[in-house]
Amino acid sequence: MKDIFLSIFKTTEERLKNPFIGTFIISFIVYNWKPLSVFFLSSQKIEQRITFISNNYTDILNLLIYPLVTSVIYIVLLPYLMWLFESLVFKSYKERNQNLYKNKLIDINGKKSVAESEIELENLKANYKEMADLNSQLQLYKDQVVTKDLDIKALEDKIHDFTQLTNNLESKIQEKDKSINNLYIQLEDSEIKTKNYYDEYENTPENTVRDFVNNLHLINKADKNESNTFFIDRFIALGLLQVVKDEKTRKEYIQITDKGLFYIKRAFSSRII
């Protein structure tokens, strides 16, 4: 007996899970809630309730047609309506996402501009530091010259008191003057050399400078193939590299010249690599 009830219950449950049957039952309840209320909630006898319902609520439209039409609409037409609504909503969702992506792109471009400005600021700071170092070195030379002048003045004052040491003092003064002249000559040579390097760098194609900096790892490489030899000979001819012989081992090796170091420094500061 228990198995029979379980079988009936299981069969009924499967029927109720059917979309059409479930929808029809709900629609039937909606359209016929009054006779159902009378049948289940009325205090009259069951025979009276049945008679009352038979006399007042036997319209075929409410009992069958309306629930059936509603179920068909729900099962057949509603999915198409949902598809239409989802299509309309998808378009707005797509446009909203595009606006969101545009806002993110604007934010990214803004951050990129800030990063580029920060890099430019760091480069300016580096250039200012380089100029400050050069000015400090020049000021050091000037201070040395002033010191030498003070020494000379002190020696000249002593000449008046020690005439017997005039010749020695004049010799020392000449040596001091020569040292000062040498300092001026070295400073002028350094400035001329730097200007010449700068002029040559400006007249050198960017591709040549880029090749030189990017292939520095080929210098003194153990496997001297044709490519390495061509690179070294090319930049030796340009004065960027030079061959140096080690006095102890008597072996030759490649060294970057002052001009080459200037090119490397300018290439990094100009950001052409």
Protein backbone atom coordinates (compact mmCIF):
# COMPACT_ATOMS: atom_id res chain seq x y z
CA MET A 1 0.00 0.00 0.00
CA LYS A 2 2.85 2.30 0.88
CA ASP A 3 4.51 1.60 -2.46
CA ILE A 4 1.28 2.48 -4.28
CA PHE A 5 1.05 5.86 -2.53
CA LEU A 6 4.72 6.57 -3.20
CA SER A 7 4.24 5.71 -6.87
CA ILE A 8 1.18 7.97 -7.11
CA PHE A 9 3.02 10.77 -5.31
CA LYS A 10 6.08 10.45 -7.56
CA THR A 11 3.92 10.42 -10.71
CA THR A 12 2.00 13.48 -9.52
CA GLU A 13 5.27 15.28 -8.69
CA GLU A 14 6.62 14.60 -12.18
CA ARG A 15 3.39 15.89 -13.75
CA LEU A 16 3.56 19.07 -11.68
CA LYS A 17 7.13 19.67 -12.80
CA ASN A 18 5.90 19.81 -16.40
CA PRO A 19 5.92 23.53 -17.38
CA PHE A 20 2.58 23.41 -19.16
CA ILE A 21 0.72 21.55 -16.41
CA GLY A 22 2.15 23.73 -13.66
CA THR A 23 1.30 26.90 -15.60
CA PHE A 24 -2.21 25.65 -16.36
CA ILE A 25 -2.87 24.86 -12.68
CA ILE A 26 -1.70 28.31 -11.57
CA SER A 27 -3.76 29.99 -14.31
CA PHE A 28 -6.81 27.89 -13.35
CA ILE A 29 -6.47 28.99 -9.71
CA VAL A 30 -6.13 32.66 -10.73
CA TYR A 31 -9.25 32.62 -12.94
CA ASN A 32 -11.34 30.46 -10.57
CA TRP A 33 -10.30 31.68 -7.16
CA LYS A 34 -13.89 32.53 -6.22
CA PRO A 35 -15.43 29.05 -6.70
CA LEU A 36 -12.32 27.53 -5.12
CA SER A 37 -12.70 29.83 -2.13
CA VAL A 38 -16.34 28.87 -1.81
CA PHE A 39 -15.51 25.19 -2.11
CA PHE A 40 -12.67 25.16 0.45
CA LEU A 41 -13.60 27.98 2.82
CA SER A 42 -17.39 28.10 2.91
CA SER A 43 -19.13 26.88 6.07
CA GLN A 44 -22.03 25.35 4.10
CA LYS A 45 -22.40 21.66 3.51
CA ILE A 46 -20.46 20.16 0.65
CA GLU A 47 -23.68 19.45 -1.33
CA GLN A 48 -24.72 23.09 -1.00
CA ARG A 49 -21.29 24.32 -2.04
CA ILE A 50 -21.29 22.07 -5.10
CA THR A 51 -24.77 23.21 -6.05
CA PHE A 52 -23.82 26.88 -5.58
CA ILE A 53 -20.71 26.50 -7.70
CA SER A 54 -22.60 24.59 -10.42
CA ASN A 55 -25.21 27.36 -10.61
CA ASN A 56 -22.84 30.32 -10.57
CA TYR A 57 -19.35 29.30 -11.77
CA THR A 58 -19.65 26.96 -14.73
CA ASP A 59 -18.38 29.32 -17.41
CA ILE A 60 -16.23 27.35 -19.86
CA LEU A 61 -14.07 30.44 -20.45
CA ASN A 62 -12.84 30.56 -16.86
CA LEU A 63 -12.75 26.82 -16.44
CA LEU A 64 -10.77 25.97 -19.57
CA ILE A 65 -10.29 28.61 -22.28
CA TYR A 66 -8.62 31.39 -20.26
CA PRO A 67 -6.26 29.08 -18.31
CA LEU A 68 -5.38 27.25 -21.52
CA VAL A 69 -4.68 30.47 -23.49
CA THR A 70 -2.66 31.88 -20.58
CA SER A 71 -0.58 28.71 -20.35
CA VAL A 72 0.11 28.75 -24.10
CA ILE A 73 1.11 32.39 -23.98
CA TYR A 74 3.39 31.74 -21.00
CA ILE A 75 5.01 28.67 -22.54
CA VAL A 76 5.26 29.83 -26.19
CA LEU A 77 5.24 33.63 -26.35
CA LEU A 78 6.89 34.58 -23.06
CA PRO A 79 10.35 33.21 -24.03
CA TYR A 80 10.26 35.36 -27.18
CA LEU A 81 9.26 38.39 -25.16
CA MET A 82 12.09 37.71 -22.71
CA TRP A 83 14.47 37.35 -25.63
CA LEU A 84 13.32 40.72 -27.00
CA PHE A 85 13.73 42.41 -23.62
CA GLU A 86 17.16 40.84 -23.13
CA SER A 87 18.21 42.06 -26.61
CA LEU A 88 17.19 45.62 -25.74
CA VAL A 89 18.88 45.43 -22.35
CA PHE A 90 22.01 43.93 -23.93
CA LYS A 91 22.37 46.94 -26.23
CA SER A 92 22.25 49.35 -23.29
CA TYR A 93 24.60 47.09 -21.33
CA LYS A 94 27.02 47.10 -24.27
CA GLU A 95 26.92 50.90 -24.55
CA ARG A 96 27.48 51.27 -20.80
CA ASN A 97 30.48 48.98 -20.97
CA GLN A 98 31.88 50.96 -23.88
CA ASN A 99 31.55 54.16 -21.85
CA LEU A 100 33.26 52.41 -18.94
CA TYR A 101 36.12 51.30 -21.19
CA LYS A 102 36.44 54.84 -22.57
CA ASN A 103 36.67 56.22 -19.03
CA LYS A 104 39.33 53.64 -18.17
CA LEU A 105 41.24 54.55 -21.35
CA ILE A 106 41.12 58.24 -20.43
CA ASP A 107 42.41 57.36 -16.96
CA ILE A 108 45.22 55.24 -18.43
CA ASN A 109 46.22 58.03 -20.86
CA GLY A 110 46.24 60.49 -17.97
CA LYS A 111 48.50 58.24 -15.91
CA LYS A 112 50.72 57.77 -18.96
CA SER A 113 51.06 61.56 -19.39
CA VAL A 114 51.92 61.93 -15.71
CA ALA A 115 54.55 59.19 -15.97
CA GLU A 116 56.09 60.83 -19.05
CA SER A 117 56.17 64.19 -17.27
CA GLU A 118 57.85 62.60 -14.26
CA ILE A 119 60.48 61.01 -16.50
CA GLU A 120 61.09 64.35 -18.21
CA LEU A 121 61.43 66.01 -14.80
CA GLU A 122 63.98 63.41 -13.70
CA ASN A 123 65.97 64.02 -16.90
CA LEU A 124 65.94 67.76 -16.26
CA LYS A 125 67.14 67.16 -12.71
CA ALA A 126 69.96 64.97 -14.03
CA ASN A 127 70.98 67.68 -16.54
CA TYR A 128 70.90 70.34 -13.85
CA LYS A 129 73.05 68.13 -11.60
CA GLU A 130 75.55 67.64 -14.41
CA MET A 131 75.77 71.40 -14.98
CA ALA A 132 76.12 71.96 -11.24
CA ASP A 133 79.00 69.48 -11.11
CA LEU A 134 80.73 71.25 -14.00
CA ASN A 135 80.22 74.63 -12.33
CA SER A 136 81.61 73.24 -9.07
CA GLN A 137 84.69 71.95 -10.88
CA LEU A 138 85.16 75.28 -12.64
CA GLN A 139 84.79 77.10 -9.34
CA LEU A 140 87.43 74.79 -7.87
CA TYR A 141 89.82 75.78 -10.67
CA LYS A 142 89.07 79.45 -10.04
CA ASP A 143 89.71 79.02 -6.33
CA GLN A 144 93.00 77.34 -7.12
CA VAL A 145 93.93 80.28 -9.36
CA VAL A 146 93.02 82.75 -6.61
CA THR A 147 95.10 80.74 -4.15
CA LYS A 148 98.04 80.83 -6.52
CA ASP A 149 97.62 84.58 -6.96
CA LEU A 150 97.64 85.03 -3.18
CA ASP A 151 100.78 82.96 -2.94
CA ILE A 152 102.43 85.08 -5.62
CA LYS A 153 101.38 88.25 -3.86
CA ALA A 154 102.87 86.96 -0.63
CA LEU A 155 106.11 86.14 -2.42
CA GLU A 156 106.22 89.60 -3.97
CA ASP A 157 105.80 91.17 -0.53
CA LYS A 158 108.67 89.12 0.78
CA ILE A 159 110.91 90.25 -2.11
CA HIS A 160 111.05 93.73 -0.62
CA ASP A 161 112.30 92.33 2.68
CA PHE A 162 114.61 89.69 1.31
CA THR A 163 116.35 91.21 -1.70
CA GLN A 164 119.12 88.63 -1.49
CA LEU A 165 116.59 85.93 -2.44
CA THR A 166 115.26 87.84 -5.43
CA ASN A 167 116.51 85.41 -8.03
CA ASN A 168 115.11 82.37 -6.25
CA LEU A 169 111.85 84.12 -5.65
CA GLU A 170 111.54 85.15 -9.29
CA SER A 171 112.20 81.58 -10.33
CA LYS A 172 109.47 80.36 -8.02
CA ILE A 173 107.13 83.04 -9.29
CA GLN A 174 107.75 81.94 -12.85
CA GLU A 175 106.99 78.34 -11.87
CA LYS A 176 103.76 79.45 -10.25
CA ASP A 177 102.80 81.41 -13.35
CA LYS A 178 103.59 78.43 -15.52
CA SER A 179 101.37 76.22 -13.35
CA ILE A 180 98.56 78.73 -13.63
CA ASN A 181 98.98 78.94 -17.39
CA ASN A 182 98.96 75.15 -17.60
CA LEU A 183 95.73 75.07 -15.62
CA TYR A 184 94.18 77.64 -17.97
CA ILE A 185 95.42 75.69 -20.99
CA GLN A 186 94.03 72.43 -19.61
CA LEU A 187 90.70 74.10 -18.91
CA GLU A 188 90.56 75.61 -22.40
CA ASP A 189 91.57 72.29 -23.98
CA SER A 190 88.85 70.53 -22.03
CA GLU A 191 86.23 73.05 -23.14
CA ILE A 192 87.37 72.88 -26.78
CA LYS A 193 87.43 69.08 -26.71
CA THR A 194 83.93 68.95 -25.19
CA LYS A 195 82.63 71.39 -27.83
CA ASN A 196 84.23 69.37 -30.62
CA TYR A 197 82.69 66.17 -29.22
CA TYR A 198 79.31 67.85 -29.04
CA ASP A 199 79.54 69.14 -32.63
CA GLU A 200 80.58 65.70 -33.92
CA TYR A 201 77.82 64.03 -31.93
CA GLU A 202 75.18 66.36 -33.38
CA ASN A 203 76.42 65.56 -36.91
CA THR A 204 76.46 61.81 -36.29
CA PRO A 205 73.30 59.94 -37.45
CA GLU A 206 71.15 58.58 -34.63
CA ASN A 207 71.35 55.08 -36.11
CA THR A 208 75.14 55.13 -35.80
CA VAL A 209 74.96 56.27 -32.16
CA ARG A 210 72.29 53.64 -31.40
CA ASP A 211 74.38 50.87 -33.01
CA PHE A 212 77.42 51.94 -31.01
CA VAL A 213 75.62 51.95 -27.63
CA ASN A 214 73.56 48.80 -28.23
CA ASN A 215 76.61 46.75 -29.34
CA LEU A 216 79.05 47.71 -26.59
CA HIS A 217 78.82 44.15 -25.29
CA LEU A 218 80.79 43.02 -28.37
CA ILE A 219 83.93 44.82 -27.11
CA ASN A 220 86.67 42.35 -26.09
CA LYS A 221 84.29 39.43 -26.67
CA ALA A 222 86.10 36.10 -26.77
CA ASP A 223 84.62 34.89 -30.07
CA LYS A 224 85.81 37.49 -32.57
CA ASN A 225 83.62 36.76 -35.54
CA GLU A 226 83.16 38.89 -38.63
CA SER A 227 80.32 40.89 -37.04
CA ASN A 228 82.40 41.77 -33.95
CA THR A 229 85.42 42.76 -36.08
CA PHE A 230 83.27 44.95 -38.33
CA PHE A 231 81.72 46.70 -35.28
CA ILE A 232 85.11 47.33 -33.63
CA ASP A 233 86.87 48.54 -36.82
CA ARG A 234 83.95 50.80 -37.68
CA PHE A 235 83.93 52.64 -34.34
CA ILE A 236 87.72 52.73 -34.07
CA ALA A 237 87.63 54.65 -37.35
CA LEU A 238 85.09 57.07 -35.80
CA GLY A 239 87.35 57.60 -32.79
CA LEU A 240 84.89 56.03 -30.35
CA LEU A 241 87.10 53.01 -29.62
CA GLN A 242 90.88 52.55 -29.44
CA VAL A 243 93.33 49.67 -29.23
CA VAL A 244 95.38 49.63 -26.00
CA LYS A 245 98.27 47.31 -25.16
CA ASP A 246 98.64 46.02 -21.61
CA GLU A 247 102.21 46.70 -20.46
CA LYS A 248 102.28 43.63 -18.23
CA THR A 249 100.67 40.98 -20.44
CA ARG A 250 101.62 42.70 -23.74
CA LYS A 251 98.14 41.86 -24.97
CA GLU A 252 95.97 44.25 -26.92
CA TYR A 253 92.39 45.04 -25.91
CA ILE A 254 89.71 47.48 -26.98
CA GLN A 255 88.97 50.54 -24.85
CA ILE A 256 86.26 53.21 -25.11
CA THR A 257 87.74 56.64 -25.80
CA ASP A 258 86.75 59.90 -24.10
CA LYS A 259 84.77 60.69 -27.23
CA GLY A 260 83.00 57.32 -26.97
CA LEU A 261 82.13 57.97 -23.32
CA PHE A 262 80.74 61.37 -24.32
CA TYR A 263 78.58 59.72 -27.01
CA ILE A 264 77.24 57.16 -24.54
CA LYS A 265 76.38 59.82 -22.00
CA ARG A 266 74.64 62.01 -24.58
CA ALA A 267 72.76 59.02 -26.00
CA PHE A 268 71.26 58.15 -22.61
CA SER A 269 70.43 61.77 -21.78
CA SER A 270 68.86 62.28 -25.24
CA ARG A 271 66.88 58.98 -24.89
CA ILE A 272 67.62 57.83 -28.45
CA ILE A 273 68.13 54.23 -27.31
